[in-house]
Amino acid sequence: MVADGRLQAPCMPWNMLQWIWSCWWLLTAGWYACAIFTLTQLKRSTNTCMLSVFANLVIGCPLVAPFAFLGGCQPLRLHWQKVIFIAVLSGLEKNLTNLSLMYIGGATKTALHGLNVVLTFIVTGILGSDGRAQRTILRCHCRENFLLLCAIVLVASGSVATAALGGESWQHKDGGLGVGLQIASGLCFAVKFTAIKQLLGG
């Protein structure tokens, strides 16, 4: 490649990363594959906490770093405090949900993930990140958001019914603790999502 009279070699790895980042379907497929593999390995492992720390620090950070620096280092320098705060919430979310696998099964954990939608709706409404949620929760404008409320109720009832009827959570003596850990993880997810919208404006 010739630019400004100078010969420049094409940066194939960088172009490949940009192409991967622009393909939402490829990222979604990769996320599902990794999530299924991770869930299986965590459930089989007797050292869930150590495996979670190792996966996040040793493997997760190097994999995510190239995508984080696609836009250069300036955004990270300008918003490093906000990024650290969001990263802490993300770490709490991941480790709490992995820790819950010590007490509940994968099916129950997956069912309880549906509560993340409900918790995010509540947190964004209370903190003002979402106008419709805020009007529904704080101003009781339920009639104008009737369909949204129906969707929230369906998601919440489906998650609770699936987790309760599965029965595996309550066979373990600390099944309630596992459910609580998963709900705490969902709350961290909701606060993280709200923080991203409020602090980074997106």
C-alpha atoms as a PDB file:
ATOM      1  CA  MET A   1       0.000   0.000   0.000  1.00  0.00           C
ATOM      2  CA  VAL A   2       1.353   3.448  -0.970  1.00  0.00           C
ATOM      3  CA  ALA A   3       0.293   6.568   0.958  1.00  0.00           C
ATOM      4  CA  ASP A   4       1.949  10.009   0.806  1.00  0.00           C
ATOM      5  CA  GLY A   5       4.775   8.607  -1.245  1.00  0.00           C
ATOM      6  CA  ARG A   6       5.669   6.041   1.418  1.00  0.00           C
ATOM      7  CA  LEU A   7       5.224   2.309   1.302  1.00  0.00           C
ATOM      8  CA  GLN A   8       3.021   1.067   4.118  1.00  0.00           C
ATOM      9  CA  ALA A   9       2.322  -2.572   4.964  1.00  0.00           C
ATOM     10  CA  PRO A  10      -1.347  -3.385   5.571  1.00  0.00           C
ATOM     11  CA  CYS A  11      -2.179  -4.214   9.155  1.00  0.00           C
ATOM     12  CA  MET A  12      -4.088  -7.451   8.679  1.00  0.00           C
ATOM     13  CA  PRO A  13      -4.642  -8.360  12.372  1.00  0.00           C
ATOM     14  CA  TRP A  14      -5.978  -4.878  13.114  1.00  0.00           C
ATOM     15  CA  ASN A  15      -8.328  -4.971  10.117  1.00  0.00           C
ATOM     16  CA  MET A  16      -9.515  -8.399  11.185  1.00  0.00           C
ATOM     17  CA  LEU A  17     -10.294  -7.135  14.689  1.00  0.00           C
ATOM     18  CA  GLN A  18     -12.258  -4.214  13.269  1.00  0.00           C
ATOM     19  CA  TRP A  19     -14.231  -6.554  11.024  1.00  0.00           C
ATOM     20  CA  ILE A  20     -15.027  -8.912  13.912  1.00  0.00           C
ATOM     21  CA  TRP A  21     -16.114  -5.982  16.091  1.00  0.00           C
ATOM     22  CA  SER A  22     -18.510  -4.761  13.381  1.00  0.00           C
ATOM     23  CA  CYS A  23     -20.243  -8.163  12.970  1.00  0.00           C
ATOM     24  CA  TRP A  24     -22.859  -8.329  15.718  1.00  0.00           C
ATOM     25  CA  TRP A  25     -23.952 -11.839  14.704  1.00  0.00           C
ATOM     26  CA  LEU A  26     -20.413 -13.178  14.989  1.00  0.00           C
ATOM     27  CA  LEU A  27     -19.944 -11.585  18.414  1.00  0.00           C
ATOM     28  CA  THR A  28     -23.295 -12.971  19.580  1.00  0.00           C
ATOM     29  CA  ALA A  29     -22.471 -16.481  18.370  1.00  0.00           C
ATOM     30  CA  GLY A  30     -19.073 -16.328  20.053  1.00  0.00           C
ATOM     31  CA  TRP A  31     -20.619 -15.066  23.280  1.00  0.00           C
ATOM     32  CA  TYR A  32     -23.137 -17.923  23.353  1.00  0.00           C
ATOM     33  CA  ALA A  33     -20.444 -20.509  22.690  1.00  0.00           C
ATOM     34  CA  CYS A  34     -18.194 -19.126  25.417  1.00  0.00           C
ATOM     35  CA  ALA A  35     -21.087 -18.829  27.876  1.00  0.00           C
ATOM     36  CA  ILE A  36     -22.141 -22.463  27.400  1.00  0.00           C
ATOM     37  CA  PHE A  37     -18.563 -23.729  27.699  1.00  0.00           C
ATOM     38  CA  THR A  38     -17.899 -21.588  30.777  1.00  0.00           C
ATOM     39  CA  LEU A  39     -21.101 -22.662  32.501  1.00  0.00           C
ATOM     40  CA  THR A  40     -20.285 -26.328  31.910  1.00  0.00           C
ATOM     41  CA  GLN A  41     -16.741 -26.039  33.209  1.00  0.00           C
ATOM     42  CA  LEU A  42     -17.704 -24.004  36.268  1.00  0.00           C
ATOM     43  CA  LYS A  43     -20.391 -26.491  37.228  1.00  0.00           C
ATOM     44  CA  ARG A  44     -17.940 -29.406  36.989  1.00  0.00           C
ATOM     45  CA  SER A  45     -15.119 -27.644  38.809  1.00  0.00           C
ATOM     46  CA  THR A  46     -14.588 -27.883  42.574  1.00  0.00           C
ATOM     47  CA  ASN A  47     -12.607 -24.609  42.589  1.00  0.00           C
ATOM     48  CA  THR A  48     -15.213 -22.278  41.158  1.00  0.00           C
ATOM     49  CA  CYS A  49     -13.862 -19.076  42.719  1.00  0.00           C
ATOM     50  CA  MET A  50     -10.262 -19.639  41.617  1.00  0.00           C
ATOM     51  CA  LEU A  51     -11.352 -20.646  38.118  1.00  0.00           C
ATOM     52  CA  SER A  52     -13.438 -17.476  37.860  1.00  0.00           C
ATOM     53  CA  VAL A  53     -10.538 -15.243  38.939  1.00  0.00           C
ATOM     54  CA  PHE A  54      -8.122 -17.004  36.587  1.00  0.00           C
ATOM     55  CA  ALA A  55     -10.529 -16.756  33.642  1.00  0.00           C
ATOM     56  CA  ASN A  56     -11.238 -13.055  34.178  1.00  0.00           C
ATOM     57  CA  LEU A  57      -7.651 -11.900  34.818  1.00  0.00           C
ATOM     58  CA  VAL A  58      -5.402 -14.208  32.837  1.00  0.00           C
ATOM     59  CA  ILE A  59      -7.635 -14.976  29.851  1.00  0.00           C
ATOM     60  CA  GLY A  60     -10.411 -12.384  29.787  1.00  0.00           C
ATOM     61  CA  CYS A  61      -8.271  -9.240  29.990  1.00  0.00           C
ATOM     62  CA  PRO A  62      -5.888 -10.112  27.096  1.00  0.00           C
ATOM     63  CA  LEU A  63      -8.843 -11.076  24.904  1.00  0.00           C
ATOM     64  CA  VAL A  64     -10.790  -7.879  25.564  1.00  0.00           C
ATOM     65  CA  ALA A  65      -7.804  -5.479  25.560  1.00  0.00           C
ATOM     66  CA  PRO A  66      -7.448  -5.200  21.733  1.00  0.00           C
ATOM     67  CA  PHE A  67     -11.098  -4.198  21.397  1.00  0.00           C
ATOM     68  CA  ALA A  68     -10.784  -1.714  24.268  1.00  0.00           C
ATOM     69  CA  PHE A  69      -7.927   0.067  22.496  1.00  0.00           C
ATOM     70  CA  LEU A  70      -9.558   0.190  19.047  1.00  0.00           C
ATOM     71  CA  GLY A  71     -10.359   3.857  19.559  1.00  0.00           C
ATOM     72  CA  GLY A  72      -6.948   4.708  20.998  1.00  0.00           C
ATOM     73  CA  CYS A  73      -5.870   5.399  24.572  1.00  0.00           C
ATOM     74  CA  GLN A  74      -7.295   8.898  24.902  1.00  0.00           C
ATOM     75  CA  PRO A  75     -10.862   7.824  25.844  1.00  0.00           C
ATOM     76  CA  LEU A  76      -9.458   5.592  28.587  1.00  0.00           C
ATOM     77  CA  ARG A  77      -7.241   8.395  29.916  1.00  0.00           C
ATOM     78  CA  LEU A  78     -10.165  10.823  30.002  1.00  0.00           C
ATOM     79  CA  HIS A  79     -12.625   8.433  31.649  1.00  0.00           C
ATOM     80  CA  TRP A  80     -10.381   6.080  33.638  1.00  0.00           C
ATOM     81  CA  GLN A  81     -12.227   6.630  36.930  1.00  0.00           C
ATOM     82  CA  LYS A  82     -15.588   5.854  35.324  1.00  0.00           C
ATOM     83  CA  VAL A  83     -14.124   2.823  33.561  1.00  0.00           C
ATOM     84  CA  ILE A  84     -12.720   1.453  36.839  1.00  0.00           C
ATOM     85  CA  PHE A  85     -16.071   1.916  38.585  1.00  0.00           C
ATOM     86  CA  ILE A  86     -17.888   0.087  35.789  1.00  0.00           C
ATOM     87  CA  ALA A  87     -15.202  -2.619  35.748  1.00  0.00           C
ATOM     88  CA  VAL A  88     -15.671  -3.223  39.490  1.00  0.00           C
ATOM     89  CA  LEU A  89     -19.427  -3.642  38.973  1.00  0.00           C
ATOM     90  CA  SER A  90     -18.771  -5.990  36.069  1.00  0.00           C
ATOM     91  CA  GLY A  91     -16.378  -8.053  38.174  1.00  0.00           C
ATOM     92  CA  LEU A  92     -18.905  -8.302  40.999  1.00  0.00           C
ATOM     93  CA  GLU A  93     -21.600  -9.360  38.554  1.00  0.00           C
ATOM     94  CA  LYS A  94     -19.496 -12.136  37.013  1.00  0.00           C
ATOM     95  CA  ASN A  95     -18.071 -13.477  40.252  1.00  0.00           C
ATOM     96  CA  LEU A  96     -21.404 -13.480  42.089  1.00  0.00           C
ATOM     97  CA  THR A  97     -23.108 -15.368  39.288  1.00  0.00           C
ATOM     98  CA  ASN A  98     -20.249 -17.879  39.124  1.00  0.00           C
ATOM     99  CA  LEU A  99     -20.327 -18.293  42.900  1.00  0.00           C
ATOM    100  CA  SER A 100     -24.048 -19.051  42.777  1.00  0.00           C
ATOM    101  CA  LEU A 101     -23.253 -22.202  40.777  1.00  0.00           C
ATOM    102  CA  MET A 102     -21.889 -23.738  43.962  1.00  0.00           C
ATOM    103  CA  TYR A 103     -25.447 -23.841  45.353  1.00  0.00           C
ATOM    104  CA  ILE A 104     -27.819 -23.942  42.365  1.00  0.00           C
ATOM    105  CA  GLY A 105     -27.859 -25.669  39.016  1.00  0.00           C
ATOM    106  CA  GLY A 106     -27.187 -24.170  35.622  1.00  0.00           C
ATOM    107  CA  ALA A 107     -30.860 -24.297  34.611  1.00  0.00           C
ATOM    108  CA  THR A 108     -31.984 -22.312  37.655  1.00  0.00           C
ATOM    109  CA  LYS A 109     -29.175 -19.817  37.215  1.00  0.00           C
ATOM    110  CA  THR A 110     -30.130 -19.280  33.577  1.00  0.00           C
ATOM    111  CA  ALA A 111     -33.794 -18.846  34.509  1.00  0.00           C
ATOM    112  CA  LEU A 112     -32.927 -16.244  37.136  1.00  0.00           C
ATOM    113  CA  HIS A 113     -30.991 -14.292  34.518  1.00  0.00           C
ATOM    114  CA  GLY A 114     -34.365 -13.141  33.272  1.00  0.00           C
ATOM    115  CA  LEU A 115     -34.697 -11.054  36.432  1.00  0.00           C
ATOM    116  CA  ASN A 116     -31.821  -8.908  35.145  1.00  0.00           C
ATOM    117  CA  VAL A 117     -34.335  -7.281  32.803  1.00  0.00           C
ATOM    118  CA  VAL A 118     -36.689  -6.465  35.676  1.00  0.00           C
ATOM    119  CA  LEU A 119     -33.906  -5.173  37.936  1.00  0.00           C
ATOM    120  CA  THR A 120     -32.504  -3.017  35.133  1.00  0.00           C
ATOM    121  CA  PHE A 121     -35.957  -1.572  34.484  1.00  0.00           C
ATOM    122  CA  ILE A 122     -36.332  -0.680  38.170  1.00  0.00           C
ATOM    123  CA  VAL A 123     -32.839   0.764  38.657  1.00  0.00           C
ATOM    124  CA  THR A 124     -32.867   2.828  35.464  1.00  0.00           C
ATOM    125  CA  GLY A 125     -36.295   4.154  36.389  1.00  0.00           C
ATOM    126  CA  ILE A 126     -35.285   5.163  39.916  1.00  0.00           C
ATOM    127  CA  LEU A 127     -31.994   6.750  38.823  1.00  0.00           C
ATOM    128  CA  GLY A 128     -33.519   8.463  35.786  1.00  0.00           C
ATOM    129  CA  SER A 129     -31.531   6.799  33.014  1.00  0.00           C
ATOM    130  CA  ASP A 130     -34.642   5.688  31.146  1.00  0.00           C
ATOM    131  CA  GLY A 131     -37.492   8.126  30.683  1.00  0.00           C
ATOM    132  CA  ARG A 132     -40.239   5.529  30.177  1.00  0.00           C
ATOM    133  CA  ALA A 133     -39.164   3.500  33.183  1.00  0.00           C
ATOM    134  CA  GLN A 134     -38.965   6.635  35.328  1.00  0.00           C
ATOM    135  CA  ARG A 135     -42.451   7.765  34.330  1.00  0.00           C
ATOM    136  CA  THR A 136     -43.829   4.299  35.012  1.00  0.00           C
ATOM    137  CA  ILE A 137     -42.203   3.784  38.424  1.00  0.00           C
ATOM    138  CA  LEU A 138     -41.969   7.247  39.956  1.00  0.00           C
ATOM    139  CA  ARG A 139     -44.932   8.983  38.317  1.00  0.00           C
ATOM    140  CA  CYS A 140     -47.247   5.975  38.030  1.00  0.00           C
ATOM    141  CA  HIS A 141     -47.906   6.508  34.310  1.00  0.00           C
ATOM    142  CA  CYS A 142     -48.708   2.838  33.895  1.00  0.00           C
ATOM    143  CA  ARG A 143     -51.472   3.218  31.328  1.00  0.00           C
ATOM    144  CA  GLU A 144     -49.272   4.802  28.660  1.00  0.00           C
ATOM    145  CA  ASN A 145     -46.671   2.048  29.149  1.00  0.00           C
ATOM    146  CA  PHE A 146     -49.099  -0.819  29.485  1.00  0.00           C
ATOM    147  CA  LEU A 147     -47.405  -3.080  26.926  1.00  0.00           C
ATOM    148  CA  LEU A 148     -44.014  -2.472  28.522  1.00  0.00           C
ATOM    149  CA  LEU A 149     -45.382  -3.439  31.922  1.00  0.00           C
ATOM    150  CA  CYS A 150     -46.938  -6.594  30.457  1.00  0.00           C
ATOM    151  CA  ALA A 151     -43.566  -7.574  29.013  1.00  0.00           C
ATOM    152  CA  ILE A 152     -41.830  -6.970  32.358  1.00  0.00           C
ATOM    153  CA  VAL A 153     -44.436  -9.028  34.224  1.00  0.00           C
ATOM    154  CA  LEU A 154     -44.150 -11.890  31.727  1.00  0.00           C
ATOM    155  CA  VAL A 155     -40.347 -11.954  31.980  1.00  0.00           C
ATOM    156  CA  ALA A 156     -40.400 -11.829  35.793  1.00  0.00           C
ATOM    157  CA  SER A 157     -43.106 -14.469  36.197  1.00  0.00           C
ATOM    158  CA  GLY A 158     -41.426 -16.753  33.667  1.00  0.00           C
ATOM    159  CA  SER A 159     -38.077 -16.529  35.437  1.00  0.00           C
ATOM    160  CA  VAL A 160     -39.555 -17.138  38.892  1.00  0.00           C
ATOM    161  CA  ALA A 161     -41.787 -19.994  37.718  1.00  0.00           C
ATOM    162  CA  THR A 162     -38.940 -21.738  35.884  1.00  0.00           C
ATOM    163  CA  ALA A 163     -36.625 -21.442  38.870  1.00  0.00           C
ATOM    164  CA  ALA A 164     -39.274 -22.548  41.378  1.00  0.00           C
ATOM    165  CA  LEU A 165     -40.683 -25.460  39.398  1.00  0.00           C
ATOM    166  CA  GLY A 166     -37.256 -26.767  38.514  1.00  0.00           C
ATOM    167  CA  GLY A 167     -36.822 -27.867  42.109  1.00  0.00           C
ATOM    168  CA  GLU A 168     -33.052 -28.310  41.939  1.00  0.00           C
ATOM    169  CA  SER A 169     -32.340 -25.090  43.859  1.00  0.00           C
ATOM    170  CA  TRP A 170     -34.284 -26.217  46.887  1.00  0.00           C
ATOM    171  CA  GLN A 171     -32.755 -29.700  47.041  1.00  0.00           C
ATOM    172  CA  HIS A 172     -29.484 -28.149  48.181  1.00  0.00           C
ATOM    173  CA  LYS A 173     -29.463 -26.966  51.771  1.00  0.00           C
ATOM    174  CA  ASP A 174     -27.994 -23.621  50.686  1.00  0.00           C
ATOM    175  CA  GLY A 175     -30.145 -23.258  47.575  1.00  0.00           C
ATOM    176  CA  GLY A 176     -31.605 -20.009  48.885  1.00  0.00           C
ATOM    177  CA  LEU A 177     -28.093 -18.591  49.192  1.00  0.00           C
ATOM    178  CA  GLY A 178     -27.402 -19.460  45.566  1.00  0.00           C
ATOM    179  CA  VAL A 179     -30.588 -17.718  44.461  1.00  0.00           C
ATOM    180  CA  GLY A 180     -29.639 -14.672  46.524  1.00  0.00           C
ATOM    181  CA  LEU A 181     -26.173 -14.564  44.968  1.00  0.00           C
ATOM    182  CA  GLN A 182     -27.660 -14.704  41.483  1.00  0.00           C
ATOM    183  CA  ILE A 183     -30.125 -11.913  42.266  1.00  0.00           C
ATOM    184  CA  ALA A 184     -27.251  -9.836  43.698  1.00  0.00           C
ATOM    185  CA  SER A 185     -25.384 -10.443  40.442  1.00  0.00           C
ATOM    186  CA  GLY A 186     -28.424  -9.201  38.535  1.00  0.00           C
ATOM    187  CA  LEU A 187     -28.527  -6.083  40.684  1.00  0.00           C
ATOM    188  CA  CYS A 188     -24.850  -5.398  39.897  1.00  0.00           C
ATOM    189  CA  PHE A 189     -25.694  -5.824  36.214  1.00  0.00           C
ATOM    190  CA  ALA A 190     -28.524  -3.302  36.486  1.00  0.00           C
ATOM    191  CA  VAL A 191     -26.347  -0.734  38.280  1.00  0.00           C
ATOM    192  CA  LYS A 192     -23.541  -1.302  35.747  1.00  0.00           C
ATOM    193  CA  PHE A 193     -25.896  -0.749  32.818  1.00  0.00           C
ATOM    194  CA  THR A 194     -27.245   2.412  34.425  1.00  0.00           C
ATOM    195  CA  ALA A 195     -23.732   3.672  35.184  1.00  0.00           C
ATOM    196  CA  ILE A 196     -22.674   3.158  31.567  1.00  0.00           C
ATOM    197  CA  LYS A 197     -25.607   5.244  30.343  1.00  0.00           C
ATOM    198  CA  GLN A 198     -25.148   8.015  32.894  1.00  0.00           C
ATOM    199  CA  LEU A 199     -21.347   8.227  33.113  1.00  0.00           C
ATOM    200  CA  LEU A 200     -20.353   7.482  29.514  1.00  0.00           C
ATOM    201  CA  GLY A 201     -23.473   8.828  27.836  1.00  0.00           C
ATOM    202  CA  GLY A 202     -24.212   5.753  25.741  1.00  0.00           C
END
